[in-house]
């Protein structure tokens, strides 16, 4: 990633690629080679750290286009990748929670320091209308598991009671992306208030990212992986009766959004920690509160 690319808006980058066609890759390579030579020339013992910090932040917050995205390895929900030497290769499991397995799931979740969090809601197909359908699925991820809670029928009240205590716990950090709508919907649908949260958009904002970078872009820039996003799955029927199992694609899609939130958090901290003395004040304060 480069300052040259960071300075280009996504649409301008796409225009250059379209206009130059087969020559686009060579052009971008030449520009980045020139930039690398420039930084080599101006770097000295006094500015080396600050320039490296600038380049890292640029890499973490620059959107990548579909052409580059297609060349990345897929995010794997069953094994941690590109996060840290301590976590890479760690195996994970995905479980659709039932009334029988509820107690064990909550016990595991309650023992964690950090939780990935997301929800899924049945889509509305009325153009221009805000989606007010109730939450159908709640995803909670730990380092090694992702638990899927289907909020229908006989599941609903026991699940609400069990999750209320967990999500109200101010000792466990709930990590996600674009959490405001999830938090509002949880209060509206289940009267559950979620405490001690970290929206990864805020974290990337501290490094200079635009207001909303998005899950797929964060996965690409922080982890160097492609998070598959299918409108067909996104807009699938999340509210179907619990007698009908979720499809394998629904399970994978739902689990990925919660698991990747934790991976992005830990992967990001791994990369920026060497530059801790250059962090902005707000970032230092927030991550100190989280014992990072």
Protein backbone atom coordinates (compact mmCIF):
# COMPACT_ATOMS: atom_id res chain seq x y z
CA UNK A 1 0.00 0.00 0.00
CA UNK A 2 1.23 3.52 -0.67
CA UNK A 3 0.58 7.18 -0.05
CA UNK A 4 0.07 7.49 -3.79
CA UNK A 5 -2.88 5.15 -3.64
CA UNK A 6 -4.14 6.65 -0.39
CA UNK A 7 -4.31 10.04 -2.10
CA UNK A 8 -6.53 8.66 -4.86
CA UNK A 9 -10.24 8.22 -4.29
CA UNK A 10 -11.61 4.79 -5.08
CA UNK A 11 -13.42 6.04 -8.19
CA UNK A 12 -10.28 7.72 -9.56
CA UNK A 13 -8.26 4.59 -8.93
CA UNK A 14 -10.87 2.56 -10.81
CA UNK A 15 -10.85 5.10 -13.66
CA UNK A 16 -7.08 4.82 -14.07
CA UNK A 17 -7.30 1.04 -14.06
CA UNK A 18 -10.08 1.13 -16.66
CA UNK A 19 -8.38 3.63 -18.95
CA UNK A 20 -4.95 1.98 -18.87
CA UNK A 21 -6.31 -1.54 -19.14
CA UNK A 22 -3.48 -4.07 -19.28
CA UNK A 23 -0.95 -1.32 -18.51
CA UNK A 24 -2.59 -0.35 -15.22
CA UNK A 25 -0.71 -2.85 -13.05
CA UNK A 26 2.64 -1.72 -14.45
CA UNK A 27 1.71 1.93 -13.89
CA UNK A 28 0.76 1.39 -10.26
CA UNK A 29 3.90 -0.70 -9.70
CA UNK A 30 6.06 2.07 -11.17
CA UNK A 31 4.44 4.72 -9.00
CA UNK A 32 4.88 2.66 -5.86
CA UNK A 33 8.49 1.85 -6.77
CA UNK A 34 9.15 5.58 -7.20
CA UNK A 35 7.52 6.25 -3.84
CA UNK A 36 9.62 3.56 -2.16
CA UNK A 37 12.77 5.12 -3.60
CA UNK A 38 11.66 8.53 -2.37
CA UNK A 39 11.08 7.29 1.18
CA UNK A 40 14.43 5.51 1.15
CA UNK A 41 16.07 8.79 0.17
CA UNK A 42 14.43 10.93 2.85
CA UNK A 43 14.52 8.42 5.71
CA UNK A 44 17.09 8.98 8.44
CA UNK A 45 17.53 7.93 12.07
CA UNK A 46 15.41 10.88 13.25
CA UNK A 47 12.33 10.35 11.09
CA UNK A 48 12.44 6.59 10.42
CA UNK A 49 9.83 5.68 13.04
CA UNK A 50 7.37 8.43 12.11
CA UNK A 51 7.60 7.62 8.39
CA UNK A 52 7.09 3.91 9.05
CA UNK A 53 4.06 4.78 11.21
CA UNK A 54 2.67 6.95 8.41
CA UNK A 55 3.06 4.15 5.88
CA UNK A 56 1.45 1.58 8.20
CA UNK A 57 -1.54 3.81 8.89
CA UNK A 58 -1.90 4.42 5.17
CA UNK A 59 -1.93 0.68 4.54
CA UNK A 60 -4.55 0.06 7.24
CA UNK A 61 -7.03 2.74 6.14
CA UNK A 62 -6.77 2.76 2.33
CA UNK A 63 -9.68 1.11 0.54
CA UNK A 64 -8.75 -1.56 -1.96
CA UNK A 65 -10.63 -2.11 -5.18
CA UNK A 66 -12.41 -5.25 -6.37
CA UNK A 67 -9.50 -6.23 -8.60
CA UNK A 68 -7.11 -6.39 -5.64
CA UNK A 69 -9.75 -7.92 -3.40
CA UNK A 70 -10.21 -10.81 -5.81
CA UNK A 71 -6.53 -11.68 -5.46
CA UNK A 72 -6.65 -12.17 -1.68
CA UNK A 73 -7.06 -15.49 0.13
CA UNK A 74 -10.50 -16.09 1.63
CA UNK A 75 -11.13 -15.50 5.32
CA UNK A 76 -11.40 -18.93 6.95
CA UNK A 77 -13.90 -19.20 9.80
CA UNK A 78 -12.42 -22.51 10.95
CA UNK A 79 -8.84 -21.34 11.50
CA UNK A 80 -7.28 -18.06 12.62
CA UNK A 81 -5.10 -16.44 9.96
CA UNK A 82 -2.84 -13.36 9.75
CA UNK A 83 -3.57 -12.19 13.30
CA UNK A 84 -0.52 -12.88 15.47
CA UNK A 85 2.11 -15.59 15.95
CA UNK A 86 0.30 -16.67 19.12
CA UNK A 87 -3.05 -17.14 17.41
CA UNK A 88 -2.37 -18.09 13.79
CA UNK A 89 -3.47 -21.66 13.12
CA UNK A 90 -5.78 -21.87 16.14
CA UNK A 91 -8.84 -23.95 15.22
CA UNK A 92 -12.41 -22.74 15.76
CA UNK A 93 -15.91 -24.19 15.86
CA UNK A 94 -19.33 -22.80 14.99
CA UNK A 95 -22.35 -23.90 16.99
CA UNK A 96 -26.04 -23.18 16.49
CA UNK A 97 -27.20 -22.98 20.11
CA UNK A 98 -30.20 -24.97 21.28
CA UNK A 99 -32.05 -24.98 24.58
CA UNK A 100 -30.03 -28.07 25.49
CA UNK A 101 -26.66 -26.48 24.74
CA UNK A 102 -27.53 -22.99 26.05
CA UNK A 103 -26.00 -23.35 29.53
CA UNK A 104 -22.65 -24.61 28.21
CA UNK A 105 -22.50 -21.84 25.58
CA UNK A 106 -23.20 -19.12 28.15
CA UNK A 107 -20.62 -20.58 30.53
CA UNK A 108 -17.94 -20.43 27.83
CA UNK A 109 -18.94 -16.91 26.76
CA UNK A 110 -18.93 -15.68 30.37
CA UNK A 111 -15.29 -16.70 30.82
CA UNK A 112 -13.99 -14.54 27.94
CA UNK A 113 -12.39 -11.09 28.02
CA UNK A 114 -13.31 -10.18 24.42
CA UNK A 115 -16.39 -11.13 22.41
CA UNK A 116 -17.14 -10.62 18.75
CA UNK A 117 -20.74 -9.49 18.28
CA UNK A 118 -23.17 -9.16 15.39
CA UNK A 119 -26.83 -9.72 14.53
CA UNK A 120 -28.87 -10.71 11.49
CA UNK A 121 -32.36 -9.49 10.61
CA UNK A 122 -34.83 -10.64 8.00
CA UNK A 123 -34.65 -8.21 5.05
CA UNK A 124 -37.34 -5.84 3.93
CA UNK A 125 -37.87 -5.49 0.21
CA UNK A 126 -39.90 -2.28 0.32
CA UNK A 127 -37.83 0.37 -1.43
CA UNK A 128 -36.90 3.33 0.74
CA UNK A 129 -38.39 1.80 3.89
CA UNK A 130 -36.22 1.39 6.99
CA UNK A 131 -35.91 -2.21 8.10
CA UNK A 132 -37.79 -2.57 11.38
CA UNK A 133 -37.99 -6.36 11.35
CA UNK A 134 -36.92 -7.93 14.66
CA UNK A 135 -33.50 -9.49 15.09
CA UNK A 136 -33.59 -13.14 14.05
CA UNK A 137 -30.04 -14.20 14.89
CA UNK A 138 -27.42 -13.10 17.42
CA UNK A 139 -23.79 -14.09 16.87
CA UNK A 140 -21.26 -14.11 19.71
CA UNK A 141 -17.68 -15.15 19.03
CA UNK A 142 -14.90 -16.16 21.39
CA UNK A 143 -11.31 -16.93 20.40
CA UNK A 144 -12.23 -20.52 19.53
CA UNK A 145 -16.03 -20.62 19.05
CA UNK A 146 -18.86 -18.74 17.41
CA UNK A 147 -22.28 -19.26 18.95
CA UNK A 148 -25.39 -18.57 16.87
CA UNK A 149 -28.58 -17.81 18.81
CA UNK A 150 -31.78 -18.13 16.77
CA UNK A 151 -34.27 -15.79 18.41
CA UNK A 152 -37.52 -17.55 17.50
CA UNK A 153 -40.36 -19.47 19.13
CA UNK A 154 -39.48 -21.40 22.32
CA UNK A 155 -35.85 -20.22 22.11
CA UNK A 156 -36.67 -16.57 22.52
CA UNK A 157 -37.35 -16.04 26.24
CA UNK A 158 -34.64 -18.40 27.60
CA UNK A 159 -32.13 -16.91 25.18
CA UNK A 160 -33.07 -13.35 26.18
CA UNK A 161 -32.66 -14.17 29.86
CA UNK A 162 -29.28 -15.83 29.34
CA UNK A 163 -27.88 -13.21 26.97
CA UNK A 164 -29.04 -10.25 29.02
CA UNK A 165 -26.58 -11.01 31.82
CA UNK A 166 -23.70 -11.62 29.39
CA UNK A 167 -24.22 -8.54 27.25
CA UNK A 168 -24.72 -6.30 30.29
CA UNK A 169 -21.41 -7.41 31.80
CA UNK A 170 -19.06 -4.43 31.79
CA UNK A 171 -16.00 -6.66 32.27
CA UNK A 172 -16.27 -8.25 28.83
CA UNK A 173 -15.53 -6.19 25.73
CA UNK A 174 -18.04 -6.60 22.89
CA UNK A 175 -16.31 -5.93 19.58
CA UNK A 176 -18.06 -5.29 16.28
CA UNK A 177 -18.38 -3.09 13.23
CA UNK A 178 -21.16 -0.54 12.86
CA UNK A 179 -22.64 -1.50 16.23
CA UNK A 180 -25.07 1.38 16.70
CA UNK A 181 -27.92 -0.22 14.75
CA UNK A 182 -27.36 -3.58 16.47
CA UNK A 183 -27.40 -1.98 19.92
CA UNK A 184 -30.58 -0.04 19.19
CA UNK A 185 -32.31 -3.11 17.80
CA UNK A 186 -31.29 -5.27 20.78
CA UNK A 187 -32.89 -2.72 23.11
CA UNK A 188 -35.99 -2.42 20.93
CA UNK A 189 -36.56 -6.13 20.38
CA UNK A 190 -35.37 -7.74 23.61
CA UNK A 191 -34.90 -4.88 26.10
CA UNK A 192 -31.23 -5.85 26.33
CA UNK A 193 -28.70 -3.08 26.92
CA UNK A 194 -25.16 -3.82 25.75
CA UNK A 195 -22.34 -2.39 27.84
CA UNK A 196 -18.58 -2.09 27.32
CA UNK A 197 -18.39 -2.02 23.52
CA UNK A 198 -15.76 -1.21 20.93
CA UNK A 199 -16.80 -0.35 17.39
CA UNK A 200 -13.86 -1.05 15.09
CA UNK A 201 -14.90 1.86 12.90
CA UNK A 202 -13.95 4.15 15.79
CA UNK A 203 -10.58 2.43 16.14
CA UNK A 204 -9.77 2.88 12.44
CA UNK A 205 -11.05 6.47 12.59
CA UNK A 206 -8.28 7.21 15.09
CA UNK A 207 -5.77 6.17 12.44
CA UNK A 208 -7.36 8.46 9.84
CA UNK A 209 -9.89 6.17 8.16
CA UNK A 210 -13.15 7.52 6.72
CA UNK A 211 -16.18 7.32 9.00
CA UNK A 212 -17.28 3.88 7.78
CA UNK A 213 -14.65 1.59 6.31
CA UNK A 214 -16.83 -1.54 6.41
CA UNK A 215 -16.22 -5.16 7.41
CA UNK A 216 -14.94 -6.40 4.05
CA UNK A 217 -12.52 -3.49 3.65
CA UNK A 218 -11.20 -3.83 7.21
CA UNK A 219 -10.65 -7.55 6.71
CA UNK A 220 -8.67 -6.79 3.56
CA UNK A 221 -6.54 -3.92 4.87
CA UNK A 222 -5.84 -5.27 8.37
CA UNK A 223 -5.70 -9.04 7.76
CA UNK A 224 -4.96 -9.15 4.02
CA UNK A 225 -7.89 -11.54 3.56
CA UNK A 226 -11.13 -11.50 1.56
CA UNK A 227 -14.37 -11.77 3.49
CA UNK A 228 -16.92 -13.19 1.05
CA UNK A 229 -20.07 -11.07 0.91
CA UNK A 230 -23.08 -12.38 -0.96
CA UNK A 231 -26.27 -10.34 -1.29
CA UNK A 232 -28.10 -13.62 -1.81
CA UNK A 233 -27.08 -14.76 1.67
CA UNK A 234 -27.38 -11.30 3.26
CA UNK A 235 -30.95 -11.02 2.03
CA UNK A 236 -31.87 -14.63 2.80
CA UNK A 237 -34.60 -15.65 5.24
CA UNK A 238 -33.03 -15.35 8.69
CA UNK A 239 -36.45 -15.51 10.38
CA UNK A 240 -37.53 -18.94 9.16
CA UNK A 241 -38.90 -21.29 11.87
CA UNK A 242 -36.31 -23.02 14.03
CA UNK A 243 -37.67 -26.32 12.75
CA UNK A 244 -35.93 -25.37 9.51
CA UNK A 245 -32.14 -25.31 9.90
CA UNK A 246 -30.04 -22.45 8.63
CA UNK A 247 -28.23 -23.27 5.41
CA UNK A 248 -24.50 -23.91 5.53
CA UNK A 249 -23.91 -20.63 3.70
CA UNK A 250 -26.00 -18.75 6.28
CA UNK A 251 -24.05 -20.33 9.12
CA UNK A 252 -20.70 -19.45 7.54
CA UNK A 253 -21.76 -15.91 6.68
CA UNK A 254 -23.15 -15.19 10.15
CA UNK A 255 -20.17 -16.69 11.98
CA UNK A 256 -17.64 -14.85 9.82
CA UNK A 257 -18.93 -11.39 10.77
CA UNK A 258 -18.55 -12.06 14.51
CA UNK A 259 -15.26 -13.97 14.29
CA UNK A 260 -13.58 -11.49 11.99
CA UNK A 261 -14.30 -8.63 14.41
CA UNK A 262 -12.05 -10.25 17.03
CA UNK A 263 -9.42 -11.09 14.42
CA UNK A 264 -9.34 -7.51 13.16
CA UNK A 265 -9.00 -6.16 16.71
CA UNK A 266 -6.12 -8.45 17.65
CA UNK A 267 -4.47 -8.20 14.22
CA UNK A 268 -4.63 -4.42 14.29
CA UNK A 269 -3.17 -4.16 17.78
CA UNK A 270 -0.38 -6.55 16.80
CA UNK A 271 0.61 -4.23 13.95
CA UNK A 272 0.36 -0.86 15.69
CA UNK A 273 1.86 -1.76 19.08
CA UNK A 274 5.48 -1.05 17.98
CA UNK A 275 4.41 2.58 17.42
CA UNK A 276 2.60 3.04 20.72
CA UNK A 277 4.47 6.26 21.52
CA UNK A 278 3.00 7.78 18.32
CA UNK A 279 -0.62 6.81 18.94
CA UNK A 280 -3.12 9.68 19.18
CA UNK A 281 -4.18 10.49 22.75
CA UNK A 282 -7.73 9.14 22.37
CA UNK A 283 -6.41 5.80 21.13
CA UNK A 284 -3.91 5.54 24.00
CA UNK A 285 -6.63 6.25 26.54
CA UNK A 286 -9.13 3.77 25.10
CA UNK A 287 -6.70 0.89 24.64
CA UNK A 288 -5.20 1.48 28.07
CA UNK A 289 -8.69 1.05 29.50
CA UNK A 290 -8.85 -2.28 27.66
CA UNK A 291 -5.49 -3.40 29.12
CA UNK A 292 -3.74 -3.34 25.76
